[in-house]
Amino acid sequence: MSKPITDFDLNSIDPFEALVWQFEMGANEAIADEPLDRFKASESLRQNAANRQGMGAPGRPSGPRPAAASPRPAQAGGAGPAPMPAGVDGGFLLSDTPHEARQSARDAAAAANGLEELKAAIEKFEGCALKKSASNTVFGTGNVEAKLVLVGEAPGAEEDRQGIPFVGPSGKLLDAMLRSIGLAREEAYITNVLPWRPPGNRQPTTAEIAVCEPFIRRHLELIGPKVVVCLGGSSAKTLMEEDRGITRLRGTWKEISFANGKKADLTAMFHPAYLLRTPEQKRLAWRDLRAISQKL
C-alpha cells in the first residue's frame, strides 16, 4: 500500500508512489496533448505581480486604474480580446450561460421524436464542456421496449472508449444482478444521466447534470418503461429530485411523470462500481433487486 501524501513529506515522496496515488484518485488518463507545468505558470504569475507592484512607485501617473480586460470573448462586431478557446465554466461551454445551455438541451430533447433523433441531437449538442474531453458520446443500449430502465451516473473510462454504458467490471456485476432476478441484459435498457465521461472519473457537477437532465428525461419518456432504477447518488438525486444521499434513497419508491402523461415507478440502489468496492453492501442490493422484481 502506498504511503499517504501529507504536507510534511512532499519533498521526500517517491515519484512512483506519487503516480500510484494519482492513479488511485482517478487521474488515470491524459486529456491533453502536452503536459502543463503549473509550477512555472505560478512563478510567472508571481513575477507579473511583482512587476505590477513596481509600477506603483513614486512618479507613477495619477488617475484611475484602467479596467481589467474581461476574460469573456468579445461581442460580435465589437473590439476586444481574442475569444478564449472552448473551456469549462461550471460545466458549460464559455459561450453559454447555465440557463442558455439548459434551455438549448430542453429544446433539442423536445424536438426529438424517437431515440435515433434524440441520439443525433445529443451528438450535435455543444452546451456541455464534457463533450470536448470525452472520446465518445455514450447514449444507451438494450431493449427499447423494455419494462425496466437502469440509469447510471456517467460513463467510466471503458464506457468512454467503447461508447457503450456499463461495460467492464461494473457492467459484468450489473449483468449478474439482472440474472439474479431472471433478466438478461438484453431484456432491459441501460443508460446514464450524462452521455459524456467526466475527466478522471470524477463526480459530475451540479451544472453538468442540470444541462443534461432534459436529455435523460426525454430518453425515458420515449421508452416508456414500467420501472426506472437509479444506479448511484447522482442519478437518484436527479430523477427523484431529492437532496438525500444514496444510502437514504435506496429502497424507497416514487412515481416519475413524463411530459406525454405516462408514469413509471422510480427507485434507487447502489451503483455496481460501489458494490465492487464495498461488497458487504450487496445484501442490501439483493433486497432492492427483489423489490424491483416484484414491481415488474
C-alpha atoms as a PDB file:
ATOM      1  CA  MET A   1       0.000   0.000   0.000  1.00  0.00           C
ATOM      2  CA  SER A   2       1.405   3.392  -0.945  1.00  0.00           C
ATOM      3  CA  LYS A   3       2.385   5.835   1.769  1.00  0.00           C
ATOM      4  CA  PRO A   4      -0.152   8.693   2.255  1.00  0.00           C
ATOM      5  CA  ILE A   5       0.970  12.062   0.895  1.00  0.00           C
ATOM      6  CA  THR A   6       0.898  14.797   3.551  1.00  0.00           C
ATOM      7  CA  ASP A   7       2.173  18.335   3.885  1.00  0.00           C
ATOM      8  CA  PHE A   8       5.098  17.006   5.911  1.00  0.00           C
ATOM      9  CA  ASP A   9       6.699  14.612   3.431  1.00  0.00           C
ATOM     10  CA  LEU A  10       6.116  16.133  -0.004  1.00  0.00           C
ATOM     11  CA  ASN A  11       9.858  16.638  -0.520  1.00  0.00           C
ATOM     12  CA  SER A  12      10.679  13.032   0.304  1.00  0.00           C
ATOM     13  CA  ILE A  13       7.843  11.260  -1.512  1.00  0.00           C
ATOM     14  CA  ASP A  14       8.889   8.688  -4.059  1.00  0.00           C
ATOM     15  CA  PRO A  15       7.820   9.735  -7.604  1.00  0.00           C
ATOM     16  CA  PHE A  16       6.438   6.265  -8.314  1.00  0.00           C
ATOM     17  CA  GLU A  17       4.304   6.360  -5.156  1.00  0.00           C
ATOM     18  CA  ALA A  18       3.017   9.778  -6.215  1.00  0.00           C
ATOM     19  CA  LEU A  19       1.947   8.345  -9.579  1.00  0.00           C
ATOM     20  CA  VAL A  20       0.259   5.390  -7.856  1.00  0.00           C
ATOM     21  CA  TRP A  21      -1.610   7.786  -5.575  1.00  0.00           C
ATOM     22  CA  GLN A  22      -2.796   9.860  -8.555  1.00  0.00           C
ATOM     23  CA  PHE A  23      -3.995   6.706 -10.319  1.00  0.00           C
ATOM     24  CA  GLU A  24      -5.931   5.585  -7.235  1.00  0.00           C
ATOM     25  CA  MET A  25      -7.559   9.029  -7.041  1.00  0.00           C
ATOM     26  CA  GLY A  26      -8.821   8.680 -10.617  1.00  0.00           C
ATOM     27  CA  ALA A  27      -6.134  10.546 -12.582  1.00  0.00           C
ATOM     28  CA  ASN A  28      -5.595   7.574 -14.876  1.00  0.00           C
ATOM     29  CA  GLU A  29      -5.819   9.108 -18.308  1.00  0.00           C
ATOM     30  CA  ALA A  30      -4.262  12.094 -20.091  1.00  0.00           C
ATOM     31  CA  ILE A  31      -6.743  14.593 -21.523  1.00  0.00           C
ATOM     32  CA  ALA A  32      -4.286  16.989 -23.172  1.00  0.00           C
ATOM     33  CA  ASP A  33      -1.665  16.594 -25.880  1.00  0.00           C
ATOM     34  CA  GLU A  34       1.098  18.252 -23.881  1.00  0.00           C
ATOM     35  CA  PRO A  35       1.767  18.393 -20.109  1.00  0.00           C
ATOM     36  CA  LEU A  36       1.275  21.740 -18.375  1.00  0.00           C
ATOM     37  CA  ASP A  37       3.962  22.946 -15.971  1.00  0.00           C
ATOM     38  CA  ARG A  38       1.805  24.655 -13.344  1.00  0.00           C
ATOM     39  CA  PHE A  39       4.827  25.446 -11.161  1.00  0.00           C
ATOM     40  CA  LYS A  40       6.288  27.502 -13.996  1.00  0.00           C
ATOM     41  CA  ALA A  41       2.923  29.185 -14.544  1.00  0.00           C
ATOM     42  CA  SER A  42       2.720  30.076 -10.838  1.00  0.00           C
ATOM     43  CA  GLU A  43       6.223  31.559 -10.933  1.00  0.00           C
ATOM     44  CA  SER A  44       5.217  33.650 -13.945  1.00  0.00           C
ATOM     45  CA  LEU A  45       2.169  34.954 -12.076  1.00  0.00           C
ATOM     46  CA  ARG A  46       4.303  35.891  -9.078  1.00  0.00           C
ATOM     47  CA  GLN A  47       6.767  37.717 -11.329  1.00  0.00           C
ATOM     48  CA  ASN A  48       3.961  39.633 -13.024  1.00  0.00           C
ATOM     49  CA  ALA A  49       2.558  40.610  -9.632  1.00  0.00           C
ATOM     50  CA  ALA A  50       5.984  41.868  -8.555  1.00  0.00           C
ATOM     51  CA  ASN A  51       6.272  43.917 -11.751  1.00  0.00           C
ATOM     52  CA  ARG A  52       2.864  45.474 -11.127  1.00  0.00           C
ATOM     53  CA  GLN A  53       3.906  46.417  -7.597  1.00  0.00           C
ATOM     54  CA  GLY A  54       6.980  48.111  -9.031  1.00  0.00           C
ATOM     55  CA  MET A  55       4.763  50.255 -11.224  1.00  0.00           C
ATOM     56  CA  GLY A  56       3.227  51.729  -8.070  1.00  0.00           C
ATOM     57  CA  ALA A  57       6.463  53.519  -7.088  1.00  0.00           C
ATOM     58  CA  PRO A  58       6.643  57.359  -6.883  1.00  0.00           C
ATOM     59  CA  GLY A  59       6.416  59.003 -10.279  1.00  0.00           C
ATOM     60  CA  ARG A  60       3.588  56.791 -11.478  1.00  0.00           C
ATOM     61  CA  PRO A  61       0.995  58.843 -13.373  1.00  0.00           C
ATOM     62  CA  SER A  62      -2.060  59.664 -11.298  1.00  0.00           C
ATOM     63  CA  GLY A  63      -5.591  58.820 -12.341  1.00  0.00           C
ATOM     64  CA  PRO A  64      -7.965  55.911 -12.282  1.00  0.00           C
ATOM     65  CA  ARG A  65      -6.588  52.475 -12.980  1.00  0.00           C
ATOM     66  CA  PRO A  66      -7.611  51.030 -16.324  1.00  0.00           C
ATOM     67  CA  ALA A  67     -10.334  48.423 -16.159  1.00  0.00           C
ATOM     68  CA  ALA A  68      -9.162  44.839 -16.408  1.00  0.00           C
ATOM     69  CA  ALA A  69      -9.884  43.158 -19.680  1.00  0.00           C
ATOM     70  CA  SER A  70     -12.778  40.738 -19.493  1.00  0.00           C
ATOM     71  CA  PRO A  71     -11.843  37.055 -19.909  1.00  0.00           C
ATOM     72  CA  ARG A  72     -15.038  36.538 -21.893  1.00  0.00           C
ATOM     73  CA  PRO A  73     -14.956  36.619 -25.705  1.00  0.00           C
ATOM     74  CA  ALA A  74     -15.717  39.975 -27.310  1.00  0.00           C
ATOM     75  CA  GLN A  75     -19.231  40.553 -28.575  1.00  0.00           C
ATOM     76  CA  ALA A  76     -19.744  40.092 -32.286  1.00  0.00           C
ATOM     77  CA  GLY A  77     -18.800  43.193 -34.242  1.00  0.00           C
ATOM     78  CA  GLY A  78     -17.001  44.847 -31.329  1.00  0.00           C
ATOM     79  CA  ALA A  79     -13.370  45.306 -30.475  1.00  0.00           C
ATOM     80  CA  GLY A  80     -11.882  43.358 -27.639  1.00  0.00           C
ATOM     81  CA  PRO A  81      -9.590  40.455 -26.717  1.00  0.00           C
ATOM     82  CA  ALA A  82      -9.475  37.386 -28.911  1.00  0.00           C
ATOM     83  CA  PRO A  83     -12.054  34.733 -27.987  1.00  0.00           C
ATOM     84  CA  MET A  84     -10.923  32.146 -25.476  1.00  0.00           C
ATOM     85  CA  PRO A  85     -10.832  28.536 -26.582  1.00  0.00           C
ATOM     86  CA  ALA A  86     -13.758  26.393 -25.504  1.00  0.00           C
ATOM     87  CA  GLY A  87     -13.373  25.516 -21.849  1.00  0.00           C
ATOM     88  CA  VAL A  88     -15.222  24.822 -18.663  1.00  0.00           C
ATOM     89  CA  ASP A  89     -17.257  27.318 -16.696  1.00  0.00           C
ATOM     90  CA  GLY A  90     -19.281  25.366 -14.168  1.00  0.00           C
ATOM     91  CA  GLY A  91     -19.728  22.532 -16.660  1.00  0.00           C
ATOM     92  CA  PHE A  92     -20.818  24.744 -19.566  1.00  0.00           C
ATOM     93  CA  LEU A  93     -19.027  25.996 -22.617  1.00  0.00           C
ATOM     94  CA  LEU A  94     -17.817  29.542 -22.041  1.00  0.00           C
ATOM     95  CA  SER A  95     -20.139  30.818 -24.774  1.00  0.00           C
ATOM     96  CA  ASP A  96     -23.212  29.744 -22.817  1.00  0.00           C
ATOM     97  CA  THR A  97     -24.778  30.715 -19.522  1.00  0.00           C
ATOM     98  CA  PRO A  98     -26.293  27.908 -17.419  1.00  0.00           C
ATOM     99  CA  HIS A  99     -29.784  29.000 -18.409  1.00  0.00           C
ATOM    100  CA  GLU A 100     -28.920  29.120 -22.118  1.00  0.00           C
ATOM    101  CA  ALA A 101     -27.285  25.699 -22.094  1.00  0.00           C
ATOM    102  CA  ARG A 102     -30.155  24.025 -20.254  1.00  0.00           C
ATOM    103  CA  GLN A 103     -32.756  25.700 -22.453  1.00  0.00           C
ATOM    104  CA  SER A 104     -30.890  24.578 -25.553  1.00  0.00           C
ATOM    105  CA  ALA A 105     -30.867  20.994 -24.246  1.00  0.00           C
ATOM    106  CA  ARG A 106     -34.565  21.200 -23.394  1.00  0.00           C
ATOM    107  CA  ASP A 107     -35.450  22.414 -26.898  1.00  0.00           C
ATOM    108  CA  ALA A 108     -33.297  19.772 -28.594  1.00  0.00           C
ATOM    109  CA  ALA A 109     -34.756  16.974 -26.451  1.00  0.00           C
ATOM    110  CA  ALA A 110     -38.363  18.055 -27.018  1.00  0.00           C
ATOM    111  CA  ALA A 111     -37.832  18.146 -30.797  1.00  0.00           C
ATOM    112  CA  ALA A 112     -36.657  14.506 -30.895  1.00  0.00           C
ATOM    113  CA  ASN A 113     -39.491  12.189 -31.958  1.00  0.00           C
ATOM    114  CA  GLY A 114     -37.571   8.957 -31.461  1.00  0.00           C
ATOM    115  CA  LEU A 115     -34.436   7.526 -29.898  1.00  0.00           C
ATOM    116  CA  GLU A 116     -32.393   7.912 -33.079  1.00  0.00           C
ATOM    117  CA  GLU A 117     -33.334  11.577 -33.310  1.00  0.00           C
ATOM    118  CA  LEU A 118     -32.530  12.052 -29.626  1.00  0.00           C
ATOM    119  CA  LYS A 119     -29.139  10.407 -30.064  1.00  0.00           C
ATOM    120  CA  ALA A 120     -28.383  12.667 -33.040  1.00  0.00           C
ATOM    121  CA  ALA A 121     -29.445  15.722 -31.024  1.00  0.00           C
ATOM    122  CA  ILE A 122     -27.132  14.796 -28.144  1.00  0.00           C
ATOM    123  CA  GLU A 123     -24.218  14.191 -30.507  1.00  0.00           C
ATOM    124  CA  LYS A 124     -24.731  17.647 -32.042  1.00  0.00           C
ATOM    125  CA  PHE A 125     -25.195  19.381 -28.678  1.00  0.00           C
ATOM    126  CA  GLU A 126     -22.405  21.825 -27.802  1.00  0.00           C
ATOM    127  CA  GLY A 127     -23.686  23.140 -24.481  1.00  0.00           C
ATOM    128  CA  CYS A 128     -21.636  20.930 -22.142  1.00  0.00           C
ATOM    129  CA  ALA A 129     -17.853  21.092 -21.981  1.00  0.00           C
ATOM    130  CA  LEU A 130     -17.549  17.395 -21.036  1.00  0.00           C
ATOM    131  CA  LYS A 131     -18.057  16.586 -24.713  1.00  0.00           C
ATOM    132  CA  LYS A 132     -14.691  18.202 -25.515  1.00  0.00           C
ATOM    133  CA  SER A 133     -12.686  15.809 -23.331  1.00  0.00           C
ATOM    134  CA  ALA A 134     -14.739  12.643 -23.952  1.00  0.00           C
ATOM    135  CA  SER A 135     -13.815  10.099 -26.610  1.00  0.00           C
ATOM    136  CA  ASN A 136     -17.389   9.041 -27.356  1.00  0.00           C
ATOM    137  CA  THR A 137     -20.978  10.001 -26.703  1.00  0.00           C
ATOM    138  CA  VAL A 138     -22.426   7.153 -24.638  1.00  0.00           C
ATOM    139  CA  PHE A 139     -26.151   7.005 -25.402  1.00  0.00           C
ATOM    140  CA  GLY A 140     -27.837   3.773 -24.286  1.00  0.00           C
ATOM    141  CA  THR A 141     -28.138   0.081 -25.011  1.00  0.00           C
ATOM    142  CA  GLY A 142     -30.690  -2.714 -24.688  1.00  0.00           C
ATOM    143  CA  ASN A 143     -34.334  -3.349 -25.440  1.00  0.00           C
ATOM    144  CA  VAL A 144     -36.017  -0.084 -26.490  1.00  0.00           C
ATOM    145  CA  GLU A 145     -39.379  -1.537 -25.400  1.00  0.00           C
ATOM    146  CA  ALA A 146     -38.112  -2.728 -22.026  1.00  0.00           C
ATOM    147  CA  LYS A 147     -40.232  -2.550 -18.882  1.00  0.00           C
ATOM    148  CA  LEU A 148     -37.060  -1.869 -16.872  1.00  0.00           C
ATOM    149  CA  VAL A 149     -34.632   1.002 -17.467  1.00  0.00           C
ATOM    150  CA  LEU A 150     -31.466   1.366 -15.393  1.00  0.00           C
ATOM    151  CA  VAL A 151     -29.924   4.853 -15.241  1.00  0.00           C
ATOM    152  CA  GLY A 152     -26.336   5.287 -14.096  1.00  0.00           C
ATOM    153  CA  GLU A 153     -24.457   8.493 -13.376  1.00  0.00           C
ATOM    154  CA  ALA A 154     -21.863   8.941 -16.126  1.00  0.00           C
ATOM    155  CA  PRO A 155     -19.634   6.789 -18.351  1.00  0.00           C
ATOM    156  CA  GLY A 156     -16.366   5.466 -16.976  1.00  0.00           C
ATOM    157  CA  ALA A 157     -13.092   5.059 -18.859  1.00  0.00           C
ATOM    158  CA  GLU A 158     -14.036   1.787 -20.569  1.00  0.00           C
ATOM    159  CA  GLU A 159     -17.534   3.023 -21.420  1.00  0.00           C
ATOM    160  CA  ASP A 160     -15.988   6.153 -22.925  1.00  0.00           C
ATOM    161  CA  ARG A 161     -13.662   4.070 -25.091  1.00  0.00           C
ATOM    162  CA  GLN A 162     -16.380   1.712 -26.338  1.00  0.00           C
ATOM    163  CA  GLY A 163     -19.297   4.141 -26.430  1.00  0.00           C
ATOM    164  CA  ILE A 164     -21.493   1.654 -24.521  1.00  0.00           C
ATOM    165  CA  PRO A 165     -22.805   2.104 -20.959  1.00  0.00           C
ATOM    166  CA  PHE A 166     -21.861  -0.330 -18.189  1.00  0.00           C
ATOM    167  CA  VAL A 167     -19.073  -2.418 -19.663  1.00  0.00           C
ATOM    168  CA  GLY A 168     -16.029  -3.635 -17.784  1.00  0.00           C
ATOM    169  CA  PRO A 169     -16.155  -4.926 -14.177  1.00  0.00           C
ATOM    170  CA  SER A 170     -19.173  -2.847 -13.144  1.00  0.00           C
ATOM    171  CA  GLY A 171     -21.031  -3.967 -16.251  1.00  0.00           C
ATOM    172  CA  LYS A 172     -20.332  -7.625 -15.514  1.00  0.00           C
ATOM    173  CA  LEU A 173     -21.647  -7.205 -11.979  1.00  0.00           C
ATOM    174  CA  LEU A 174     -24.765  -5.460 -13.293  1.00  0.00           C
ATOM    175  CA  ASP A 175     -25.361  -8.374 -15.677  1.00  0.00           C
ATOM    176  CA  ALA A 176     -25.116 -10.784 -12.740  1.00  0.00           C
ATOM    177  CA  MET A 177     -27.510  -8.642 -10.710  1.00  0.00           C
ATOM    178  CA  LEU A 178     -30.069  -8.747 -13.528  1.00  0.00           C
ATOM    179  CA  ARG A 179     -29.674 -12.515 -13.903  1.00  0.00           C
ATOM    180  CA  SER A 180     -30.395 -12.927 -10.195  1.00  0.00           C
ATOM    181  CA  ILE A 181     -33.957 -11.720 -10.836  1.00  0.00           C
ATOM    182  CA  GLY A 182     -34.353 -13.666 -14.051  1.00  0.00           C
ATOM    183  CA  LEU A 183     -33.471 -10.944 -16.560  1.00  0.00           C
ATOM    184  CA  ALA A 184     -30.877 -10.889 -19.294  1.00  0.00           C
ATOM    185  CA  ARG A 185     -29.084  -7.637 -20.105  1.00  0.00           C
ATOM    186  CA  GLU A 186     -30.797  -7.619 -23.499  1.00  0.00           C
ATOM    187  CA  GLU A 187     -34.230  -7.525 -21.840  1.00  0.00           C
ATOM    188  CA  ALA A 188     -33.557  -4.258 -20.005  1.00  0.00           C
ATOM    189  CA  TYR A 189     -32.442  -0.847 -21.217  1.00  0.00           C
ATOM    190  CA  ILE A 190     -29.328   0.812 -19.754  1.00  0.00           C
ATOM    191  CA  THR A 191     -28.206   4.424 -19.977  1.00  0.00           C
ATOM    192  CA  ASN A 192     -26.699   7.289 -17.905  1.00  0.00           C
ATOM    193  CA  VAL A 193     -27.698  10.763 -16.777  1.00  0.00           C
ATOM    194  CA  LEU A 194     -24.605  12.154 -18.512  1.00  0.00           C
ATOM    195  CA  PRO A 195     -23.670  10.946 -22.013  1.00  0.00           C
ATOM    196  CA  TRP A 196     -20.032  12.042 -21.612  1.00  0.00           C
ATOM    197  CA  ARG A 197     -17.372  10.950 -19.173  1.00  0.00           C
ATOM    198  CA  PRO A 198     -16.121  13.498 -16.610  1.00  0.00           C
ATOM    199  CA  PRO A 199     -12.282  13.617 -16.730  1.00  0.00           C
ATOM    200  CA  GLY A 200     -10.636  11.258 -14.286  1.00  0.00           C
ATOM    201  CA  ASN A 201     -13.983   9.599 -13.455  1.00  0.00           C
ATOM    202  CA  ARG A 202     -14.724  12.453 -11.053  1.00  0.00           C
ATOM    203  CA  GLN A 203     -18.228  13.053  -9.725  1.00  0.00           C
ATOM    204  CA  PRO A 204     -20.443  15.029 -12.122  1.00  0.00           C
ATOM    205  CA  THR A 205     -21.008  18.638 -11.093  1.00  0.00           C
ATOM    206  CA  THR A 206     -24.428  20.117 -10.430  1.00  0.00           C
ATOM    207  CA  ALA A 207     -24.033  22.291 -13.526  1.00  0.00           C
ATOM    208  CA  GLU A 208     -23.224  19.355 -15.801  1.00  0.00           C
ATOM    209  CA  ILE A 209     -26.224  17.402 -14.553  1.00  0.00           C
ATOM    210  CA  ALA A 210     -28.509  20.413 -14.940  1.00  0.00           C
ATOM    211  CA  VAL A 211     -27.563  20.753 -18.609  1.00  0.00           C
ATOM    212  CA  CYS A 212     -28.038  17.083 -19.476  1.00  0.00           C
ATOM    213  CA  GLU A 213     -31.143  16.373 -17.398  1.00  0.00           C
ATOM    214  CA  PRO A 214     -33.610  17.238 -20.218  1.00  0.00           C
ATOM    215  CA  PHE A 215     -31.973  14.566 -22.378  1.00  0.00           C
ATOM    216  CA  ILE A 216     -32.346  11.731 -19.865  1.00  0.00           C
ATOM    217  CA  ARG A 217     -35.946  12.652 -19.090  1.00  0.00           C
ATOM    218  CA  ARG A 218     -36.827  12.644 -22.794  1.00  0.00           C
ATOM    219  CA  HIS A 219     -34.895   9.382 -23.126  1.00  0.00           C
ATOM    220  CA  LEU A 220     -37.115   7.734 -20.520  1.00  0.00           C
ATOM    221  CA  GLU A 221     -40.244   9.288 -21.984  1.00  0.00           C
ATOM    222  CA  LEU A 222     -39.546   7.813 -25.424  1.00  0.00           C
ATOM    223  CA  ILE A 223     -39.016   4.314 -23.994  1.00  0.00           C
ATOM    224  CA  GLY A 224     -41.962   4.424 -21.590  1.00  0.00           C
ATOM    225  CA  PRO A 225     -40.799   1.791 -19.050  1.00  0.00           C
ATOM    226  CA  LYS A 226     -42.769   0.426 -16.124  1.00  0.00           C
ATOM    227  CA  VAL A 227     -39.855   0.703 -13.658  1.00  0.00           C
ATOM    228  CA  VAL A 228     -36.873   3.083 -13.617  1.00  0.00           C
ATOM    229  CA  VAL A 229     -33.909   2.266 -11.365  1.00  0.00           C
ATOM    230  CA  CYS A 230     -31.344   4.944 -10.495  1.00  0.00           C
ATOM    231  CA  LEU A 231     -27.875   3.487 -10.013  1.00  0.00           C
ATOM    232  CA  GLY A 232     -25.853   5.736  -7.721  1.00  0.00           C
ATOM    233  CA  GLY A 233     -26.341   9.005  -5.883  1.00  0.00           C
ATOM    234  CA  SER A 234     -26.131  11.490  -8.760  1.00  0.00           C
ATOM    235  CA  SER A 235     -28.719   9.605 -10.790  1.00  0.00           C
ATOM    236  CA  ALA A 236     -31.031   9.214  -7.788  1.00  0.00           C
ATOM    237  CA  LYS A 237     -30.868  12.869  -6.740  1.00  0.00           C
ATOM    238  CA  THR A 238     -31.539  13.997 -10.323  1.00  0.00           C
ATOM    239  CA  LEU A 239     -34.515  11.819 -11.202  1.00  0.00           C
ATOM    240  CA  MET A 240     -36.002  11.538  -7.707  1.00  0.00           C
ATOM    241  CA  GLU A 241     -35.490  15.276  -7.131  1.00  0.00           C
ATOM    242  CA  GLU A 242     -34.056  14.699  -3.673  1.00  0.00           C
ATOM    243  CA  ASP A 243     -31.110  16.119  -1.732  1.00  0.00           C
ATOM    244  CA  ARG A 244     -30.588  12.989   0.368  1.00  0.00           C
ATOM    245  CA  GLY A 245     -27.718  10.619  -0.342  1.00  0.00           C
ATOM    246  CA  ILE A 246     -27.985   7.202  -1.952  1.00  0.00           C
ATOM    247  CA  THR A 247     -27.848   5.405   1.418  1.00  0.00           C
ATOM    248  CA  ARG A 248     -31.167   7.001   2.373  1.00  0.00           C
ATOM    249  CA  LEU A 249     -32.700   6.989  -1.107  1.00  0.00           C
ATOM    250  CA  ARG A 250     -32.027   3.353  -1.959  1.00  0.00           C
ATOM    251  CA  GLY A 251     -35.002   1.109  -1.413  1.00  0.00           C
ATOM    252  CA  THR A 252     -37.509   3.993  -1.492  1.00  0.00           C
ATOM    253  CA  TRP A 253     -40.108   4.341  -4.248  1.00  0.00           C
ATOM    254  CA  LYS A 254     -41.599   7.319  -6.020  1.00  0.00           C
ATOM    255  CA  GLU A 255     -43.541   7.934  -9.189  1.00  0.00           C
ATOM    256  CA  ILE A 256     -41.945   9.720 -12.130  1.00  0.00           C
ATOM    257  CA  SER A 257     -44.184  11.538 -14.604  1.00  0.00           C
ATOM    258  CA  PHE A 258     -43.320  12.353 -18.199  1.00  0.00           C
ATOM    259  CA  ALA A 259     -44.428  15.194 -20.452  1.00  0.00           C
ATOM    260  CA  ASN A 260     -46.576  12.829 -22.528  1.00  0.00           C
ATOM    261  CA  GLY A 261     -48.672  11.907 -19.480  1.00  0.00           C
ATOM    262  CA  LYS A 262     -47.077   8.497 -18.888  1.00  0.00           C
ATOM    263  CA  LYS A 263     -45.746   7.462 -15.475  1.00  0.00           C
ATOM    264  CA  ALA A 264     -43.339   4.904 -14.090  1.00  0.00           C
ATOM    265  CA  ASP A 265     -42.290   3.543 -10.691  1.00  0.00           C
ATOM    266  CA  LEU A 266     -38.940   5.009  -9.669  1.00  0.00           C
ATOM    267  CA  THR A 267     -36.417   3.700  -7.149  1.00  0.00           C
ATOM    268  CA  ALA A 268     -32.679   3.788  -6.437  1.00  0.00           C
ATOM    269  CA  MET A 269     -29.936   1.357  -5.474  1.00  0.00           C
ATOM    270  CA  PHE A 270     -26.179   1.308  -5.069  1.00  0.00           C
ATOM    271  CA  HIS A 271     -24.060   1.658  -8.189  1.00  0.00           C
ATOM    272  CA  PRO A 272     -22.310  -1.605  -9.224  1.00  0.00           C
ATOM    273  CA  ALA A 273     -18.920   0.144  -9.027  1.00  0.00           C
ATOM    274  CA  TYR A 274     -19.647   0.992  -5.386  1.00  0.00           C
ATOM    275  CA  LEU A 275     -20.655  -2.611  -4.686  1.00  0.00           C
ATOM    276  CA  LEU A 276     -17.332  -3.798  -6.105  1.00  0.00           C
ATOM    277  CA  ARG A 277     -15.535  -1.586  -3.584  1.00  0.00           C
ATOM    278  CA  THR A 278     -17.846  -2.419  -0.665  1.00  0.00           C
ATOM    279  CA  PRO A 279     -19.131  -5.972  -1.175  1.00  0.00           C
ATOM    280  CA  GLU A 280     -20.726  -6.012   2.285  1.00  0.00           C
ATOM    281  CA  GLN A 281     -23.481  -3.800   0.839  1.00  0.00           C
ATOM    282  CA  LYS A 282     -24.533  -6.479  -1.643  1.00  0.00           C
ATOM    283  CA  ARG A 283     -27.089  -7.826   0.822  1.00  0.00           C
ATOM    284  CA  LEU A 284     -28.943  -4.501   0.588  1.00  0.00           C
ATOM    285  CA  ALA A 285     -28.635  -4.574  -3.185  1.00  0.00           C
ATOM    286  CA  TRP A 286     -30.188  -8.062  -3.224  1.00  0.00           C
ATOM    287  CA  ARG A 287     -33.072  -6.748  -1.127  1.00  0.00           C
ATOM    288  CA  ASP A 288     -33.572  -3.907  -3.637  1.00  0.00           C
ATOM    289  CA  LEU A 289     -33.422  -6.307  -6.589  1.00  0.00           C
ATOM    290  CA  ARG A 290     -36.185  -8.464  -5.107  1.00  0.00           C
ATOM    291  CA  ALA A 291     -38.368  -5.373  -4.665  1.00  0.00           C
ATOM    292  CA  ILE A 292     -37.714  -4.404  -8.295  1.00  0.00           C
ATOM    293  CA  SER A 293     -38.642  -7.906  -9.440  1.00  0.00           C
ATOM    294  CA  GLN A 294     -41.929  -7.680  -7.575  1.00  0.00           C
ATOM    295  CA  LYS A 295     -42.733  -4.334  -9.235  1.00  0.00           C
ATOM    296  CA  LEU A 296     -42.075  -5.832 -12.642  1.00  0.00           C
END
